[in-house]
Amino acid sequence: MTTPARPNWWPARWNVHDPEKYVDKLKAMTQDQLRKEAEQYIWLSAYADNNPRSDYHWMVDAIYDEYARREDTDGYSKAYAAVVAGTRG
């Protein structure tokens, strides 16, 4: 049995969050939960801009991929816009 290819954002190492568990968590979320998660981690990724090894960066990439998997082309953009506008829920 072969392991499926991992996305290019998959970290070689991580600080706290296990990528496999996090992806599974995202898949189990409702749309509303995913939106809230996206808004939170988009903000955290921007806040951690001075630390390129922060888990928040790959976590945001995983959220983006989850929106793509769900074929929700606007979900990530709406979450990003809410963060930029300061109106995140």
Protein backbone atom coordinates (compact mmCIF):
# COMPACT_ATOMS: atom_id res chain seq x y z
CA MET A 1 0.00 0.00 0.00
CA THR A 2 1.41 3.36 -0.99
CA THR A 3 0.99 6.52 1.00
CA PRO A 4 -0.82 9.26 -0.93
CA ALA A 5 1.30 12.22 -1.96
CA ARG A 6 1.32 15.01 0.56
CA PRO A 7 0.56 18.61 -0.46
CA ASN A 8 3.54 20.85 -1.07
CA TRP A 9 2.81 22.85 2.10
CA TRP A 10 3.26 19.76 4.31
CA PRO A 11 5.97 20.68 6.81
CA ALA A 12 9.12 18.63 7.16
CA ARG A 13 8.73 19.24 10.87
CA TRP A 14 6.19 21.06 12.94
CA ASN A 15 6.09 22.75 16.29
CA VAL A 16 2.88 21.70 18.01
CA HIS A 17 0.14 20.67 15.60
CA ASP A 18 0.24 17.31 13.83
CA PRO A 19 -0.59 17.98 10.16
CA GLU A 20 -2.40 14.70 9.62
CA LYS A 21 -4.67 15.23 12.62
CA TYR A 22 -5.27 18.85 11.63
CA VAL A 23 -6.34 17.93 8.08
CA ASP A 24 -8.75 15.34 9.52
CA LYS A 25 -10.12 17.97 11.89
CA LEU A 26 -10.73 20.35 8.98
CA LYS A 27 -12.53 17.68 6.98
CA ALA A 28 -14.92 17.08 9.89
CA MET A 29 -15.84 20.76 10.29
CA THR A 30 -19.07 22.35 9.18
CA GLN A 31 -18.87 25.31 6.80
CA ASP A 32 -19.39 27.73 9.68
CA GLN A 33 -16.71 26.07 11.79
CA LEU A 34 -14.30 26.13 8.84
CA ARG A 35 -14.99 29.84 8.27
CA LYS A 36 -14.22 30.64 11.92
CA GLU A 37 -11.09 28.50 11.81
CA ALA A 38 -9.97 30.22 8.61
CA GLU A 39 -10.47 33.68 10.06
CA GLN A 40 -8.60 32.81 13.24
CA TYR A 41 -5.63 31.19 11.54
CA ILE A 42 -5.35 33.73 8.74
CA TRP A 43 -4.99 36.36 11.46
CA LEU A 44 -2.52 34.26 13.43
CA SER A 45 -0.44 33.53 10.33
CA ALA A 46 -0.19 37.25 9.61
CA TYR A 47 0.70 37.93 13.25
CA ALA A 48 3.45 35.29 13.08
CA ASP A 49 4.91 36.79 9.91
CA ASN A 50 8.27 37.24 11.63
CA ASN A 51 8.54 33.48 12.23
CA PRO A 52 8.63 31.52 8.97
CA ARG A 53 8.57 28.21 10.87
CA SER A 54 5.29 28.96 12.65
CA ASP A 55 2.69 26.21 12.34
CA TYR A 56 0.10 28.86 11.51
CA HIS A 57 1.48 29.26 7.98
CA TRP A 58 1.04 25.65 6.90
CA MET A 59 -2.26 25.49 8.79
CA VAL A 60 -3.62 28.31 6.63
CA ASP A 61 -2.45 26.43 3.54
CA ALA A 62 -4.32 23.36 4.80
CA ILE A 63 -7.47 25.45 5.29
CA TYR A 64 -7.14 26.77 1.74
CA ASP A 65 -6.82 23.21 0.45
CA GLU A 66 -9.89 22.16 2.43
CA TYR A 67 -11.94 24.90 0.80
CA ALA A 68 -10.67 23.67 -2.58
CA ARG A 69 -11.57 20.08 -1.69
CA ARG A 70 -15.11 21.27 -0.89
CA GLU A 71 -15.19 23.19 -4.17
CA ASP A 72 -15.97 26.37 -2.23
CA THR A 73 -14.16 28.92 -4.34
CA ASP A 74 -15.27 31.92 -2.27
CA GLY A 75 -14.94 30.61 1.29
CA TYR A 76 -11.27 31.35 1.84
CA SER A 77 -11.49 34.72 0.11
CA LYS A 78 -14.42 35.75 2.31
CA ALA A 79 -12.57 34.71 5.46
CA TYR A 80 -9.49 36.63 4.33
CA ALA A 81 -11.58 39.72 3.52
CA ALA A 82 -13.22 39.57 6.97
CA VAL A 83 -9.81 39.51 8.64
CA VAL A 84 -8.51 42.41 6.55
CA ALA A 85 -11.68 44.42 7.24
CA GLY A 86 -11.49 43.67 10.96
CA THR A 87 -14.93 42.06 10.96
CA ARG A 88 -14.06 38.46 11.63
CA GLY A 89 -16.71 36.49 13.48
